[in-house]
PDB file of N, CA and C in Angstrom:
ATOM      1  N   MET A   1     -40.809  50.023  95.795  1.00  0.00           N
ATOM      2  CA  MET A   1     -42.209  50.130  95.387  1.00  0.00           C
ATOM      3  C   MET A   1     -43.079  49.969  96.633  1.00  0.00           C
ATOM      4  N   SER A   2     -44.125  50.739  96.761  1.00  0.00           N
ATOM      5  CA  SER A   2     -44.966  50.681  97.951  1.00  0.00           C
ATOM      6  C   SER A   2     -45.857  49.451  97.928  1.00  0.00           C
ATOM      7  N   GLN A   3     -46.342  49.062  99.097  1.00  0.00           N
ATOM      8  CA  GLN A   3     -47.226  47.903  99.194  1.00  0.00           C
ATOM      9  C   GLN A   3     -48.475  48.086  98.360  1.00  0.00           C
ATOM     10  N   ASP A   4     -49.073  49.266  98.377  1.00  0.00           N
ATOM     11  CA  ASP A   4     -50.298  49.498  97.615  1.00  0.00           C
ATOM     12  C   ASP A   4     -50.075  49.339  96.124  1.00  0.00           C
ATOM     13  N   SER A   5     -48.980  49.877  95.597  1.00  0.00           N
ATOM     14  CA  SER A   5     -48.762  49.783  94.160  1.00  0.00           C
ATOM     15  C   SER A   5     -48.422  48.356  93.751  1.00  0.00           C
ATOM     16  N   GLN A   6     -47.711  47.609  94.585  1.00  0.00           N
ATOM     17  CA  GLN A   6     -47.408  46.218  94.252  1.00  0.00           C
ATOM     18  C   GLN A   6     -48.645  45.348  94.384  1.00  0.00           C
ATOM     19  N   GLN A   7     -49.456  45.597  95.384  1.00  0.00           N
ATOM     20  CA  GLN A   7     -50.638  44.790  95.594  1.00  0.00           C
ATOM     21  C   GLN A   7     -51.621  44.943  94.444  1.00  0.00           C
ATOM     22  N   ASN A   8     -51.662  46.096  93.835  1.00  0.00           N
ATOM     23  CA  ASN A   8     -52.613  46.352  92.773  1.00  0.00           C
ATOM     24  C   ASN A   8     -52.029  46.086  91.397  1.00  0.00           C
ATOM     25  N   GLN A   9     -50.811  45.615  91.343  1.00  0.00           N
ATOM     26  CA  GLN A   9     -50.139  45.364  90.074  1.00  0.00           C
ATOM     27  C   GLN A   9     -50.599  44.020  89.509  1.00  0.00           C
ATOM     28  N   ASP A  10     -51.031  44.040  88.256  1.00  0.00           N
ATOM     29  CA  ASP A  10     -51.371  42.806  87.558  1.00  0.00           C
ATOM     30  C   ASP A  10     -50.222  42.443  86.648  1.00  0.00           C
ATOM     31  N   ILE A  11     -49.899  41.168  86.601  1.00  0.00           N
ATOM     32  CA  ILE A  11     -48.802  40.685  85.784  1.00  0.00           C
ATOM     33  C   ILE A  11     -49.373  39.764  84.713  1.00  0.00           C
ATOM     34  N   ALA A  12     -49.078  40.047  83.453  1.00  0.00           N
ATOM     35  CA  ALA A  12     -49.500  39.182  82.348  1.00  0.00           C
ATOM     36  C   ALA A  12     -48.457  38.087  82.185  1.00  0.00           C
ATOM     37  N   TYR A  13     -48.938  36.845  82.066  1.00  0.00           N
ATOM     38  CA  TYR A  13     -48.031  35.710  81.904  1.00  0.00           C
ATOM     39  C   TYR A  13     -48.725  34.603  81.129  1.00  0.00           C
ATOM     40  N   ARG A  14     -48.221  34.309  79.944  1.00  0.00           N
ATOM     41  CA  ARG A  14     -48.692  33.210  79.101  1.00  0.00           C
ATOM     42  C   ARG A  14     -50.202  33.253  78.843  1.00  0.00           C
ATOM     43  N   GLY A  15     -50.741  34.445  78.667  1.00  0.00           N
ATOM     44  CA  GLY A  15     -52.156  34.594  78.369  1.00  0.00           C
ATOM     45  C   GLY A  15     -53.062  34.687  79.592  1.00  0.00           C
ATOM     46  N   TYR A  16     -52.477  34.669  80.774  1.00  0.00           N
ATOM     47  CA  TYR A  16     -53.213  34.773  82.031  1.00  0.00           C
ATOM     48  C   TYR A  16     -52.812  36.067  82.728  1.00  0.00           C
ATOM     49  N   THR A  17     -53.615  36.484  83.690  1.00  0.00           N
ATOM     50  CA  THR A  17     -53.290  37.651  84.507  1.00  0.00           C
ATOM     51  C   THR A  17     -53.144  37.201  85.950  1.00  0.00           C
ATOM     52  N   ILE A  18     -52.030  37.578  86.547  1.00  0.00           N
ATOM     53  CA  ILE A  18     -51.761  37.265  87.950  1.00  0.00           C
ATOM     54  C   ILE A  18     -51.957  38.537  88.758  1.00  0.00           C
ATOM     55  N   SER A  19     -52.771  38.452  89.801  1.00  0.00           N
ATOM     56  CA  SER A  19     -52.948  39.555  90.748  1.00  0.00           C
ATOM     57  C   SER A  19     -52.425  39.087  92.097  1.00  0.00           C
ATOM     58  N   VAL A  20     -51.417  39.755  92.608  1.00  0.00           N
ATOM     59  CA  VAL A  20     -50.840  39.363  93.893  1.00  0.00           C
ATOM     60  C   VAL A  20     -51.477  40.166  95.018  1.00  0.00           C
ATOM     61  N   ALA A  21     -51.652  39.504  96.131  1.00  0.00           N
ATOM     62  CA  ALA A  21     -52.238  40.163  97.302  1.00  0.00           C
ATOM     63  C   ALA A  21     -51.758  39.457  98.568  1.00  0.00           C
ATOM     64  N   PRO A  22     -50.447  39.574  98.894  1.00  0.00           N
ATOM     65  CA  PRO A  22     -49.941  38.930 100.106  1.00  0.00           C
ATOM     66  C   PRO A  22     -50.741  39.342 101.337  1.00  0.00           C
ATOM     67  N   VAL A  23     -50.831  38.421 102.266  1.00  0.00           N
ATOM     68  CA  VAL A  23     -51.632  38.619 103.473  1.00  0.00           C
ATOM     69  C   VAL A  23     -50.695  38.774 104.659  1.00  0.00           C
ATOM     70  N   ASN A  24     -50.953  39.800 105.474  1.00  0.00           N
ATOM     71  CA  ASN A  24     -50.176  39.994 106.693  1.00  0.00           C
ATOM     72  C   ASN A  24     -50.712  39.073 107.770  1.00  0.00           C
ATOM     73  N   GLY A  25     -49.789  38.375 108.429  1.00  0.00           N
ATOM     74  CA  GLY A  25     -50.172  37.402 109.440  1.00  0.00           C
ATOM     75  C   GLY A  25     -50.667  37.978 110.743  1.00  0.00           C
ATOM     76  N   GLY A  26     -50.698  39.278 110.870  1.00  0.00           N
ATOM     77  CA  GLY A  26     -51.233  39.877 112.100  1.00  0.00           C
ATOM     78  C   GLY A  26     -50.167  40.052 113.151  1.00  0.00           C
ATOM     79  N   ARG A  27     -50.319  39.356 114.250  1.00  0.00           N
ATOM     80  CA  ARG A  27     -49.439  39.560 115.402  1.00  0.00           C
ATOM     81  C   ARG A  27     -47.971  39.325 115.096  1.00  0.00           C
ATOM     82  N   ASP A  28     -47.678  38.342 114.252  1.00  0.00           N
ATOM     83  CA  ASP A  28     -46.271  38.044 113.996  1.00  0.00           C
ATOM     84  C   ASP A  28     -45.641  39.004 112.987  1.00  0.00           C
ATOM     85  N   GLY A  29     -46.473  39.785 112.264  1.00  0.00           N
ATOM     86  CA  GLY A  29     -45.965  40.755 111.313  1.00  0.00           C
ATOM     87  C   GLY A  29     -45.371  40.149 110.055  1.00  0.00           C
ATOM     88  N   ARG A  30     -45.521  38.867 109.877  1.00  0.00           N
ATOM     89  CA  ARG A  30     -44.977  38.203 108.703  1.00  0.00           C
ATOM     90  C   ARG A  30     -46.019  38.157 107.595  1.00  0.00           C
ATOM     91  N   TRP A  31     -45.542  37.942 106.385  1.00  0.00           N
ATOM     92  CA  TRP A  31     -46.392  37.959 105.198  1.00  0.00           C
ATOM     93  C   TRP A  31     -46.531  36.569 104.612  1.00  0.00           C
ATOM     94  N   HIS A  32     -47.727  36.283 104.079  1.00  0.00           N
ATOM     95  CA  HIS A  32     -48.031  34.987 103.489  1.00  0.00           C
ATOM     96  C   HIS A  32     -48.370  35.159 102.007  1.00  0.00           C
ATOM     97  N   ASP A  33     -48.015  34.148 101.212  1.00  0.00           N
ATOM     98  CA  ASP A  33     -48.312  34.183  99.780  1.00  0.00           C
ATOM     99  C   ASP A  33     -49.816  34.217  99.532  1.00  0.00           C
ATOM    100  N   ALA A  34     -50.224  34.984  98.525  1.00  0.00           N
ATOM    101  CA  ALA A  34     -51.616  34.989  98.072  1.00  0.00           C
ATOM    102  C   ALA A  34     -51.674  35.590  96.675  1.00  0.00           C
ATOM    103  N   TYR A  35     -52.480  34.964  95.812  1.00  0.00           N
ATOM    104  CA  TYR A  35     -52.622  35.460  94.447  1.00  0.00           C
ATOM    105  C   TYR A  35     -53.900  34.940  93.820  1.00  0.00           C
ATOM    106  N   LYS A  36     -54.291  35.587  92.723  1.00  0.00           N
ATOM    107  CA  LYS A  36     -55.397  35.146  91.875  1.00  0.00           C
ATOM    108  C   LYS A  36     -54.868  35.018  90.460  1.00  0.00           C
ATOM    109  N   ILE A  37     -55.373  34.031  89.742  1.00  0.00           N
ATOM    110  CA  ILE A  37     -55.054  33.866  88.330  1.00  0.00           C
ATOM    111  C   ILE A  37     -56.350  34.007  87.554  1.00  0.00           C
ATOM    112  N   MET A  38     -56.323  34.905  86.572  1.00  0.00           N
ATOM    113  CA  MET A  38     -57.504  35.161  85.739  1.00  0.00           C
ATOM    114  C   MET A  38     -57.170  34.870  84.282  1.00  0.00           C
ATOM    115  N   LYS A  39     -58.166  34.457  83.524  1.00  0.00           N
ATOM    116  CA  LYS A  39     -58.071  34.351  82.065  1.00  0.00           C
ATOM    117  C   LYS A  39     -59.243  35.163  81.548  1.00  0.00           C
ATOM    118  N   GLY A  40     -58.946  36.374  81.079  1.00  0.00           N
ATOM    119  CA  GLY A  40     -60.027  37.298  80.732  1.00  0.00           C
ATOM    120  C   GLY A  40     -60.759  37.681  82.002  1.00  0.00           C
ATOM    121  N   ASP A  41     -62.080  37.489  82.005  1.00  0.00           N
ATOM    122  CA  ASP A  41     -62.889  37.796  83.191  1.00  0.00           C
ATOM    123  C   ASP A  41     -63.165  36.573  84.056  1.00  0.00           C
ATOM    124  N   VAL A  42     -62.543  35.450  83.727  1.00  0.00           N
ATOM    125  CA  VAL A  42     -62.807  34.195  84.433  1.00  0.00           C
ATOM    126  C   VAL A  42     -61.712  33.929  85.467  1.00  0.00           C
ATOM    127  N   LEU A  43     -62.143  33.703  86.712  1.00  0.00           N
ATOM    128  CA  LEU A  43     -61.208  33.338  87.770  1.00  0.00           C
ATOM    129  C   LEU A  43     -60.795  31.880  87.570  1.00  0.00           C
ATOM    130  N   ILE A  44     -59.507  31.653  87.367  1.00  0.00           N
ATOM    131  CA  ILE A  44     -58.980  30.306  87.168  1.00  0.00           C
ATOM    132  C   ILE A  44     -58.577  29.690  88.503  1.00  0.00           C
ATOM    133  N   SER A  45     -57.936  30.493  89.340  1.00  0.00           N
ATOM    134  CA  SER A  45     -57.454  29.982  90.619  1.00  0.00           C
ATOM    135  C   SER A  45     -57.266  31.130  91.594  1.00  0.00           C
ATOM    136  N   GLU A  46     -57.503  30.837  92.847  1.00  0.00           N
ATOM    137  CA  GLU A  46     -57.246  31.791  93.923  1.00  0.00           C
ATOM    138  C   GLU A  46     -56.526  31.028  95.013  1.00  0.00           C
ATOM    139  N   HIS A  47     -55.421  31.558  95.475  1.00  0.00           N
ATOM    140  CA  HIS A  47     -54.585  30.794  96.395  1.00  0.00           C
ATOM    141  C   HIS A  47     -54.037  31.678  97.509  1.00  0.00           C
ATOM    142  N   SER A  48     -54.090  31.146  98.707  1.00  0.00           N
ATOM    143  CA  SER A  48     -53.455  31.778  99.853  1.00  0.00           C
ATOM    144  C   SER A  48     -52.775  30.675 100.647  1.00  0.00           C
ATOM    145  N   ASN A  49     -51.523  30.891 101.001  1.00  0.00           N
ATOM    146  CA  ASN A  49     -50.768  29.861 101.691  1.00  0.00           C
ATOM    147  C   ASN A  49     -50.206  30.421 102.987  1.00  0.00           C
ATOM    148  N   THR A  50     -50.804  30.022 104.097  1.00  0.00           N
ATOM    149  CA  THR A  50     -50.335  30.514 105.388  1.00  0.00           C
ATOM    150  C   THR A  50     -49.176  29.680 105.929  1.00  0.00           C
ATOM    151  N   ASN A  51     -48.814  28.593 105.227  1.00  0.00           N
ATOM    152  CA  ASN A  51     -47.681  27.781 105.665  1.00  0.00           C
ATOM    153  C   ASN A  51     -46.348  28.386 105.253  1.00  0.00           C
ATOM    154  N   ILE A  52     -46.368  29.221 104.227  1.00  0.00           N
ATOM    155  CA  ILE A  52     -45.150  29.883 103.775  1.00  0.00           C
ATOM    156  C   ILE A  52     -45.171  31.304 104.323  1.00  0.00           C
ATOM    157  N   VAL A  53     -44.146  31.645 105.101  1.00  0.00           N
ATOM    158  CA  VAL A  53     -44.091  32.979 105.702  1.00  0.00           C
ATOM    159  C   VAL A  53     -42.833  33.710 105.248  1.00  0.00           C
ATOM    160  N   HIS A  54     -42.968  35.024 105.135  1.00  0.00           N
ATOM    161  CA  HIS A  54     -41.864  35.877 104.718  1.00  0.00           C
ATOM    162  C   HIS A  54     -41.752  37.032 105.696  1.00  0.00           C
ATOM    163  N   GLU A  55     -40.538  37.486 105.879  1.00  0.00           N
ATOM    164  CA  GLU A  55     -40.287  38.586 106.811  1.00  0.00           C
ATOM    165  C   GLU A  55     -40.783  39.921 106.286  1.00  0.00           C
ATOM    166  N   ASP A  56     -40.844  40.081 104.940  1.00  0.00           N
ATOM    167  CA  ASP A  56     -41.258  41.372 104.411  1.00  0.00           C
ATOM    168  C   ASP A  56     -42.208  41.205 103.228  1.00  0.00           C
ATOM    169  N   PHE A  57     -42.901  42.278 102.928  1.00  0.00           N
ATOM    170  CA  PHE A  57     -43.919  42.308 101.888  1.00  0.00           C
ATOM    171  C   PHE A  57     -43.337  42.004 100.509  1.00  0.00           C
ATOM    172  N   ASP A  58     -42.211  42.618 100.177  1.00  0.00           N
ATOM    173  CA  ASP A  58     -41.620  42.444  98.849  1.00  0.00           C
ATOM    174  C   ASP A  58     -41.290  40.984  98.554  1.00  0.00           C
ATOM    175  N   THR A  59     -40.769  40.289  99.535  1.00  0.00           N
ATOM    176  CA  THR A  59     -40.445  38.869  99.355  1.00  0.00           C
ATOM    177  C   THR A  59     -41.713  38.056  99.147  1.00  0.00           C
ATOM    178  N   ALA A  60     -42.771  38.388  99.864  1.00  0.00           N
ATOM    179  CA  ALA A  60     -44.049  37.685  99.694  1.00  0.00           C
ATOM    180  C   ALA A  60     -44.628  37.936  98.303  1.00  0.00           C
ATOM    181  N   VAL A  61     -44.474  39.142  97.778  1.00  0.00           N
ATOM    182  CA  VAL A  61     -44.941  39.449  96.423  1.00  0.00           C
ATOM    183  C   VAL A  61     -44.181  38.587  95.419  1.00  0.00           C
ATOM    184  N   ASP A  62     -42.861  38.582  95.507  1.00  0.00           N
ATOM    185  CA  ASP A  62     -42.041  37.794  94.584  1.00  0.00           C
ATOM    186  C   ASP A  62     -42.396  36.311  94.656  1.00  0.00           C
ATOM    187  N   SER A  63     -42.553  35.802  95.853  1.00  0.00           N
ATOM    188  CA  SER A  63     -42.897  34.395  96.033  1.00  0.00           C
ATOM    189  C   SER A  63     -44.275  34.082  95.451  1.00  0.00           C
ATOM    190  N   SER A  64     -45.236  34.959  95.690  1.00  0.00           N
ATOM    191  CA  SER A  64     -46.592  34.761  95.159  1.00  0.00           C
ATOM    192  C   SER A  64     -46.570  34.723  93.633  1.00  0.00           C
ATOM    193  N   ILE A  65     -45.811  35.622  93.012  1.00  0.00           N
ATOM    194  CA  ILE A  65     -45.714  35.647  91.554  1.00  0.00           C
ATOM    195  C   ILE A  65     -45.085  34.353  91.048  1.00  0.00           C
ATOM    196  N   ASN A  66     -44.020  33.918  91.685  1.00  0.00           N
ATOM    197  CA  ASN A  66     -43.349  32.689  91.253  1.00  0.00           C
ATOM    198  C   ASN A  66     -44.257  31.470  91.357  1.00  0.00           C
ATOM    199  N   TYR A  67     -45.007  31.355  92.451  1.00  0.00           N
ATOM    200  CA  TYR A  67     -45.933  30.229  92.604  1.00  0.00           C
ATOM    201  C   TYR A  67     -47.058  30.296  91.576  1.00  0.00           C
ATOM    202  N   ALA A  68     -47.556  31.483  91.301  1.00  0.00           N
ATOM    203  CA  ALA A  68     -48.616  31.635  90.299  1.00  0.00           C
ATOM    204  C   ALA A  68     -48.101  31.245  88.919  1.00  0.00           C
ATOM    205  N   LYS A  69     -46.891  31.665  88.576  1.00  0.00           N
ATOM    206  CA  LYS A  69     -46.309  31.292  87.283  1.00  0.00           C
ATOM    207  C   LYS A  69     -46.136  29.781  87.172  1.00  0.00           C
ATOM    208  N   LEU A  70     -45.710  29.152  88.237  1.00  0.00           N
ATOM    209  CA  LEU A  70     -45.566  27.701  88.235  1.00  0.00           C
ATOM    210  C   LEU A  70     -46.911  27.017  88.012  1.00  0.00           C
ATOM    211  N   GLN A  71     -47.960  27.529  88.662  1.00  0.00           N
ATOM    212  CA  GLN A  71     -49.293  26.965  88.481  1.00  0.00           C
ATOM    213  C   GLN A  71     -49.752  27.136  87.043  1.00  0.00           C
ATOM    214  N   ILE A  72     -49.509  28.291  86.452  1.00  0.00           N
ATOM    215  CA  ILE A  72     -49.879  28.525  85.050  1.00  0.00           C
ATOM    216  C   ILE A  72     -49.090  27.594  84.131  1.00  0.00           C
ATOM    217  N   ASP A  73     -47.798  27.443  84.386  1.00  0.00           N
ATOM    218  CA  ASP A  73     -46.991  26.528  83.578  1.00  0.00           C
ATOM    219  C   ASP A  73     -47.564  25.111  83.630  1.00  0.00           C
ATOM    220  N   ASN A  74     -48.023  24.686  84.787  1.00  0.00           N
ATOM    221  CA  ASN A  74     -48.625  23.363  84.921  1.00  0.00           C
ATOM    222  C   ASN A  74     -49.955  23.265  84.183  1.00  0.00           C
ATOM    223  N   LEU A  75     -50.720  24.347  84.166  1.00  0.00           N
ATOM    224  CA  LEU A  75     -51.997  24.356  83.435  1.00  0.00           C
ATOM    225  C   LEU A  75     -51.779  24.298  81.929  1.00  0.00           C
ATOM    226  N   VAL A  76     -50.814  25.071  81.453  1.00  0.00           N
ATOM    227  CA  VAL A  76     -50.567  25.176  80.027  1.00  0.00           C
ATOM    228  C   VAL A  76     -49.868  23.932  79.491  1.00  0.00           C
ATOM    229  N   GLY A  77     -48.990  23.381  80.307  1.00  0.00           N
ATOM    230  CA  GLY A  77     -48.308  22.154  79.906  1.00  0.00           C
ATOM    231  C   GLY A  77     -46.968  22.324  79.325  1.00  0.00           C
TER     232      GLY A  77
END
């Protein structure tokens, strides 16, 4: 899957919408986790983590989704 199609993909999870948008670190070429969590039109959380780095875009997408799901699980209980 291309970076553009994955970046624009919204994932529904437990009544929330996760939008992933990994960030390229620039010179090092590594990718960092980043995502938004929405409930309807309301932004619940926006997160970017430059401490976690990945060698490729696909891994950063998967990691971002997993972290967002964990955050939603913690919100829902």
